Each structure stands twice: as C-alpha cells, then as structure tokens.
Amino acid sequence: MSTVEDDEQDLTRKQRREQAREQRKAIEEAEAAGAQRRKRLIQLGSVIAVVIVVIAVILIATSGGGKKEGVEKTASTSHGTPKVVTEVSSLIGGIPQNGNTIGSPKAPVTMQYFGDLECPICRDFTEGALKPLIEKYVRPGKLKIEYRNLETATREPETFRTQQIAALAAGKQNKAWDYIELFYHQQGQEDTGYVTEKYLQELAKQVPGMDLTTWSADRNNGEFTNTITTDAQAANNSGFTGTPSFLIGKTGQQMQKLEYSSLKDPSSFESAINALLK
C-alpha cells in the first residue's frame, strides 16, 4: 500500500517535473526569441551596411562632382560654350555695367550686396531671388546693384583677396557681374581648395568679350586691395557678419539694412524696392 508520505513524494516529483518542463519551455522560447532577434539584427545590420555604402558612394560622387564642377565646366570652354555661360549671358546681357555695379546709373534705387564668391548661401541668392530681381527691376532701369566684398566662407584671406580681385579686375572691362555670376553658378565643393589660378583663368575665358591680357594686368592694380578693405569696413559699420547681406536706399541717399525672409523667394526684396519706388 502506498502511504501518504509516498503520495506526497510523488506529487513533489511531479511538481518538480512540471516546473522543469516549464523552465525548459521558457528557456526554449527565450532562445527562439533571441535567435529571432539576432536574425533581425543581422538583417538590419546588413541593411544598414548597404545604406552606409550607398551613402558613402553618393557622398563621394557628390563631392567629386562638386569639386570638379568649377573646373570641368570651365574647361569645356575650349570645346564649346557651356550652358551656364548662356544662362548668365541671357540674364545680364545688355544691362549696363560699371565696375562692380550692374544697372542703369540713373536707377532710382540702389542695393548694395555684400558677398563672398565662395559663399554657398550667396549662390542660393544667385540661383533664387536674384534672377527675378534683375528681370523685374534691374533690366527696366529701376534698380542698380553694387557688389561689395566681405570675407565669410573663404578660409584663406589670400585666396579671398585673389578671387575677389579677379572679379573686380573684370569690372575694368565692365564685366564684373559676368565673372561674379559665372563663379557662383560654378562654385566647387566648399573647403576643397578648388579656387586655383587655373580655375580663375578658366572663368575669365568664359566671359564673353573679355580681353584676357588686359584682365591679367588689371589684377595687379593696388586699388582693388583698398576696395576690399573699404568694403569690409562698411560691412562692419552696418553690423554685417555673414553673407549675403544687403543695404538698400534711394540712389544718392542714406542706405538702410535690408532684412530679407528668403534668398530664394524675391518677395521681401520686392517689398523693399517697391516701397522706395513710390
């Protein structure tokens, strides 16, 4: 006969087996879940690795393209007129230029534009709000724009001086804005040192009708260094620390800071101009 003690021992053994079974089940489930997580992590890791590789390829391609942009486009001048030259010529061709100024000398409103030729934000202005402003106000003789020099994006002061003087020297032939716009349209990748003597020379070759011998000689004119210094002082007096920055006013009268809301949408510029035209 079984005793109560034996029954209790059997029950205890059964309970232990059940507990062991439950523990094994829990362990197996945990291991299965862990394996599934590891599988997902491996899959995710593979996806991330692929994404990283793709991003790296894109960045390399973009960097390479950006760095070459200022050289490859200019280098094409010996084989034909690049599209950007046509675009710039179409935008400003036929508009009077005088030194660093574009627009009729009799324009009732003047806007001073402080820029750095390597500044990518200035390029946003060139590709955005500037075009409609030139078409709507500069070409009809309502506005003239003076380009002023302010070092912000260019790392090396000597490089800044050299590139800005290259544009100012083109102004001796009344082609400064051709050079400026070609530069902005063909900026290289920032901080890559793309502004070399070859780059500046190739830009000059793109300017329609530019006398390269005269331009090269004019780059040695000491007055341009003084111009850059004067522009920096004017920017400092106006509290400008970044580019592009703008002053605007009736021609011959005191200039005021122009506060813009967008460099791509010309609305804030148009409001300021229209207020002065009234």
Protein backbone atom coordinates (compact mmCIF):
# COMPACT_ATOMS: atom_id res chain seq x y z
CA MET A 1 0.00 0.00 0.00
CA SER A 2 1.15 3.46 -0.71
CA THR A 3 1.42 5.77 2.15
CA VAL A 4 0.59 9.40 2.43
CA GLU A 5 4.30 10.10 2.52
CA ASP A 6 4.80 8.27 -0.78
CA ASP A 7 1.94 10.22 -2.34
CA GLU A 8 3.45 13.47 -1.21
CA GLN A 9 6.82 12.46 -2.65
CA ASP A 10 5.20 11.50 -5.97
CA LEU A 11 3.37 14.84 -6.01
CA THR A 12 6.54 16.66 -5.25
CA ARG A 13 8.40 14.85 -8.03
CA LYS A 14 5.54 15.59 -10.43
CA GLN A 15 5.59 19.22 -9.47
CA ARG A 16 9.32 19.36 -9.96
CA ARG A 17 8.95 17.77 -13.42
CA GLU A 18 6.27 20.26 -14.31
CA GLN A 19 8.41 23.07 -13.07
CA ALA A 20 11.39 21.73 -15.01
CA ARG A 21 9.23 21.36 -18.09
CA GLU A 22 8.01 24.92 -17.72
CA GLN A 23 11.55 26.13 -17.21
CA ARG A 24 12.78 24.31 -20.32
CA LYS A 25 9.86 25.68 -22.26
CA ALA A 26 10.65 29.18 -21.06
CA ILE A 27 14.31 28.73 -21.94
CA GLU A 28 13.48 27.37 -25.38
CA GLU A 29 11.11 30.23 -26.02
CA ALA A 30 13.70 32.69 -24.84
CA GLU A 31 16.33 31.10 -27.05
CA ALA A 32 13.97 31.12 -30.02
CA ALA A 33 13.12 34.74 -29.36
CA GLY A 34 16.81 35.54 -29.02
CA ALA A 35 17.59 33.78 -32.26
CA GLN A 36 14.81 35.69 -33.97
CA ARG A 37 16.13 38.96 -32.58
CA ARG A 38 19.64 38.10 -33.68
CA LYS A 39 18.32 37.26 -37.11
CA ARG A 40 16.52 40.57 -37.30
CA LEU A 41 19.60 42.39 -36.04
CA ILE A 42 21.74 40.67 -38.62
CA GLN A 43 19.24 41.59 -41.31
CA LEU A 44 19.05 45.15 -40.01
CA GLY A 45 22.82 45.29 -39.82
CA SER A 46 23.05 44.14 -43.40
CA VAL A 47 20.55 46.78 -44.48
CA ILE A 48 22.41 49.47 -42.53
CA ALA A 49 25.69 48.36 -44.04
CA VAL A 50 24.19 48.58 -47.52
CA VAL A 51 22.72 52.02 -46.74
CA ILE A 52 26.08 53.22 -45.41
CA VAL A 53 27.82 52.01 -48.54
CA VAL A 54 25.22 53.70 -50.74
CA ILE A 55 25.50 56.97 -48.78
CA ALA A 56 29.27 56.81 -48.96
CA VAL A 57 29.13 56.29 -52.72
CA ILE A 58 26.69 59.19 -53.09
CA LEU A 59 28.84 61.46 -50.92
CA ILE A 60 31.97 60.56 -52.84
CA ALA A 61 30.20 61.09 -56.15
CA THR A 62 28.67 64.37 -54.95
CA SER A 63 31.93 65.58 -53.50
CA GLY A 64 33.78 64.66 -56.63
CA GLY A 65 31.15 66.28 -58.82
CA GLY A 66 31.08 69.42 -56.68
CA LYS A 67 34.82 69.67 -56.65
CA LYS A 68 35.05 69.20 -60.39
CA GLU A 69 32.13 71.42 -61.19
CA GLY A 70 34.15 74.61 -61.13
CA VAL A 71 36.86 73.04 -63.27
CA GLU A 72 35.09 70.74 -65.67
CA LYS A 73 32.54 73.31 -66.71
CA THR A 74 35.18 75.95 -67.27
CA ALA A 75 37.44 73.51 -69.06
CA SER A 76 34.69 72.94 -71.60
CA THR A 77 35.11 76.45 -72.99
CA SER A 78 37.73 75.20 -75.41
CA HIS A 79 35.21 72.77 -76.85
CA GLY A 80 32.12 74.98 -76.90
CA THR A 81 30.01 77.37 -74.85
CA PRO A 82 28.66 75.64 -71.73
CA LYS A 83 25.03 76.01 -70.79
CA VAL A 84 25.82 78.14 -67.75
CA VAL A 85 27.53 80.79 -69.88
CA THR A 86 24.41 81.03 -72.00
CA GLU A 87 22.24 81.30 -68.88
CA VAL A 88 24.35 84.09 -67.39
CA SER A 89 24.58 85.97 -70.68
CA SER A 90 20.83 85.70 -71.14
CA LEU A 91 20.23 87.05 -67.63
CA ILE A 92 22.55 90.06 -67.63
CA GLY A 93 23.44 90.58 -71.29
CA GLY A 94 22.66 94.11 -72.47
CA ILE A 95 22.34 95.55 -68.97
CA PRO A 96 24.76 98.43 -68.29
CA GLN A 97 27.69 97.62 -66.01
CA ASN A 98 30.18 99.99 -64.44
CA GLY A 99 32.91 98.47 -62.29
CA ASN A 100 31.18 96.46 -59.55
CA THR A 101 27.73 97.81 -60.41
CA ILE A 102 25.04 96.41 -62.67
CA GLY A 103 22.07 98.51 -63.76
CA SER A 104 21.40 101.95 -65.14
CA PRO A 105 23.37 104.78 -63.48
CA LYS A 106 20.06 106.65 -63.35
CA ALA A 107 18.21 103.86 -61.48
CA PRO A 108 16.23 105.45 -58.62
CA VAL A 109 17.04 102.63 -56.16
CA THR A 110 20.43 101.21 -55.22
CA MET A 111 21.08 97.93 -53.43
CA GLN A 112 24.49 97.03 -52.08
CA TYR A 113 25.15 93.30 -51.98
CA PHE A 114 27.93 92.11 -49.67
CA GLY A 115 29.20 88.72 -50.78
CA ASP A 116 32.00 86.19 -50.73
CA LEU A 117 32.46 84.35 -54.02
CA GLU A 118 32.94 81.02 -52.21
CA CYS A 119 29.83 81.52 -50.05
CA PRO A 120 27.27 78.78 -50.86
CA ILE A 121 24.47 80.91 -49.38
CA CYS A 122 25.30 83.64 -51.87
CA ARG A 123 24.93 81.01 -54.56
CA ASP A 124 21.40 80.35 -53.21
CA PHE A 125 20.66 84.03 -53.77
CA THR A 126 22.08 83.91 -57.30
CA GLU A 127 20.01 80.84 -58.16
CA GLY A 128 16.93 82.12 -56.35
CA ALA A 129 15.79 85.69 -55.73
CA LEU A 130 18.41 87.50 -57.80
CA LYS A 131 17.18 86.39 -61.21
CA PRO A 132 13.63 87.78 -60.89
CA LEU A 133 15.03 90.97 -59.32
CA ILE A 134 17.28 91.52 -62.33
CA GLU A 135 14.46 90.79 -64.76
CA LYS A 136 11.84 92.89 -62.96
CA TYR A 137 13.87 95.83 -61.65
CA VAL A 138 17.44 95.97 -62.94
CA ARG A 139 16.82 95.46 -66.64
CA PRO A 140 13.98 98.06 -66.77
CA GLY A 141 16.26 100.62 -65.06
CA LYS A 142 14.53 100.76 -61.67
CA LEU A 143 17.33 99.23 -59.60
CA LYS A 144 21.10 99.01 -59.69
CA ILE A 145 23.09 96.57 -57.60
CA GLU A 146 26.58 97.19 -56.26
CA TYR A 147 28.64 94.13 -55.39
CA ARG A 148 30.68 94.59 -52.20
CA ASN A 149 33.31 92.22 -50.78
CA LEU A 150 33.05 90.56 -47.38
CA GLU A 151 35.10 87.54 -46.39
CA THR A 152 33.00 84.90 -44.64
CA ALA A 153 33.17 81.50 -46.34
CA THR A 154 36.66 81.55 -47.85
CA ARG A 155 39.12 80.02 -45.41
CA GLU A 156 42.32 81.72 -46.56
CA PRO A 157 42.45 85.54 -46.65
CA GLU A 158 44.92 85.46 -49.53
CA THR A 159 42.61 83.23 -51.57
CA PHE A 160 39.72 85.56 -50.80
CA ARG A 161 41.68 88.59 -51.92
CA THR A 162 42.83 86.86 -55.11
CA GLN A 163 39.39 85.63 -56.18
CA GLN A 164 37.60 88.89 -55.37
CA ILE A 165 40.23 90.91 -57.24
CA ALA A 166 39.76 88.62 -60.23
CA ALA A 167 36.11 89.73 -60.35
CA LEU A 168 36.91 93.38 -59.68
CA ALA A 169 39.51 93.32 -62.46
CA ALA A 170 36.82 92.11 -64.85
CA GLY A 171 34.93 95.21 -63.80
CA LYS A 172 37.59 97.33 -65.50
CA GLN A 173 36.07 95.99 -68.72
CA ASN A 174 32.54 96.35 -67.32
CA LYS A 175 32.24 92.59 -66.98
CA ALA A 176 32.46 92.11 -63.22
CA TRP A 177 28.96 90.74 -62.98
CA ASP A 178 29.62 88.23 -65.75
CA TYR A 179 32.55 86.95 -63.74
CA ILE A 180 30.68 87.02 -60.42
CA GLU A 181 27.69 85.12 -61.75
CA LEU A 182 29.82 82.57 -63.57
CA PHE A 183 31.72 81.98 -60.33
CA TYR A 184 28.56 81.49 -58.27
CA HIS A 185 27.00 79.21 -60.87
CA GLN A 186 30.11 77.07 -60.94
CA GLN A 187 31.17 77.01 -57.32
CA GLY A 188 33.13 73.95 -56.28
CA GLN A 189 32.65 71.90 -53.13
CA GLU A 190 33.27 74.02 -50.05
CA ASP A 191 36.62 73.58 -48.25
CA THR A 192 38.20 71.62 -51.10
CA GLY A 193 40.62 74.31 -52.23
CA TYR A 194 39.06 74.40 -55.68
CA VAL A 195 39.89 78.07 -56.21
CA THR A 196 43.20 77.84 -58.02
CA GLU A 197 44.82 80.10 -60.57
CA LYS A 198 43.65 77.72 -63.29
CA TYR A 199 40.07 77.94 -62.02
CA LEU A 200 40.14 81.75 -62.06
CA GLN A 201 41.73 81.82 -65.50
CA GLU A 202 39.16 79.42 -66.93
CA LEU A 203 36.31 81.54 -65.57
CA ALA A 204 37.79 84.59 -67.26
CA LYS A 205 37.90 82.68 -70.55
CA GLN A 206 34.14 82.12 -70.26
CA VAL A 207 33.31 85.84 -70.01
CA PRO A 208 32.12 86.93 -73.47
CA GLY A 209 34.41 89.52 -74.99
CA MET A 210 36.90 89.55 -72.11
CA ASP A 211 40.40 90.74 -73.05
CA LEU A 212 42.42 88.24 -71.01
CA THR A 213 45.71 90.10 -71.33
CA THR A 214 44.15 93.30 -70.01
CA TRP A 215 42.35 91.39 -67.27
CA SER A 216 45.57 89.74 -66.11
CA ALA A 217 47.31 93.12 -65.95
CA ASP A 218 44.41 94.75 -64.12
CA ARG A 219 44.59 92.12 -61.37
CA ASN A 220 47.81 93.78 -60.22
CA ASN A 221 46.06 97.10 -59.63
CA GLY A 222 46.58 98.06 -55.99
CA GLU A 223 43.28 99.92 -55.80
CA PHE A 224 41.39 96.62 -55.53
CA THR A 225 43.04 95.72 -52.24
CA ASN A 226 41.88 99.08 -50.89
CA THR A 227 38.38 98.38 -52.22
CA ILE A 228 38.21 95.09 -50.33
CA THR A 229 39.37 96.80 -47.12
CA THR A 230 36.83 99.60 -47.55
CA ASP A 231 34.03 97.11 -48.18
CA ALA A 232 34.94 95.18 -45.02
CA GLN A 233 34.82 98.41 -43.01
CA ALA A 234 31.43 99.31 -44.48
CA ALA A 235 30.11 95.85 -43.62
CA ASN A 236 31.43 96.18 -40.07
CA ASN A 237 29.81 99.61 -39.69
CA SER A 238 26.49 98.08 -40.75
CA GLY A 239 26.87 95.19 -38.30
CA PHE A 240 27.19 92.54 -41.00
CA THR A 241 28.89 89.31 -40.01
CA GLY A 242 27.59 86.98 -42.73
CA THR A 243 26.97 86.87 -46.44
CA PRO A 244 24.92 87.68 -48.31
CA SER A 245 23.98 90.93 -46.58
CA PHE A 246 22.27 93.91 -48.14
CA LEU A 247 21.86 97.66 -47.85
CA ILE A 248 19.19 99.46 -49.86
CA GLY A 249 18.06 103.02 -50.39
CA LYS A 250 17.17 105.70 -52.88
CA THR A 251 20.15 106.37 -55.10
CA GLY A 252 22.40 109.01 -53.59
CA GLN A 253 20.67 108.90 -50.22
CA GLN A 254 21.33 107.07 -46.96
CA MET A 255 21.26 103.28 -47.17
CA GLN A 256 19.35 101.05 -44.77
CA LYS A 257 19.80 97.41 -43.89
CA LEU A 258 17.52 95.16 -45.94
CA GLU A 259 16.03 92.37 -43.84
CA TYR A 260 15.06 89.51 -46.12
CA SER A 261 12.91 86.49 -45.31
CA SER A 262 14.18 84.23 -48.07
CA LEU A 263 17.04 84.16 -50.55
CA LYS A 264 15.05 82.07 -52.99
CA ASP A 265 11.77 83.96 -52.87
CA PRO A 266 12.21 87.59 -54.03
CA SER A 267 9.13 88.86 -52.16
CA SER A 268 10.93 90.56 -49.27
CA PHE A 269 13.35 92.23 -51.70
CA GLU A 270 10.49 93.36 -53.92
CA SER A 271 8.65 94.88 -50.95
CA ALA A 272 11.69 96.96 -50.01
CA ILE A 273 12.27 98.06 -53.60
CA ASN A 274 8.62 98.93 -54.23
CA ALA A 275 8.49 100.99 -51.05
CA LEU A 276 11.41 103.10 -52.30
CA LEU A 277 9.96 103.44 -55.79
CA LYS A 278 6.77 105.06 -54.51
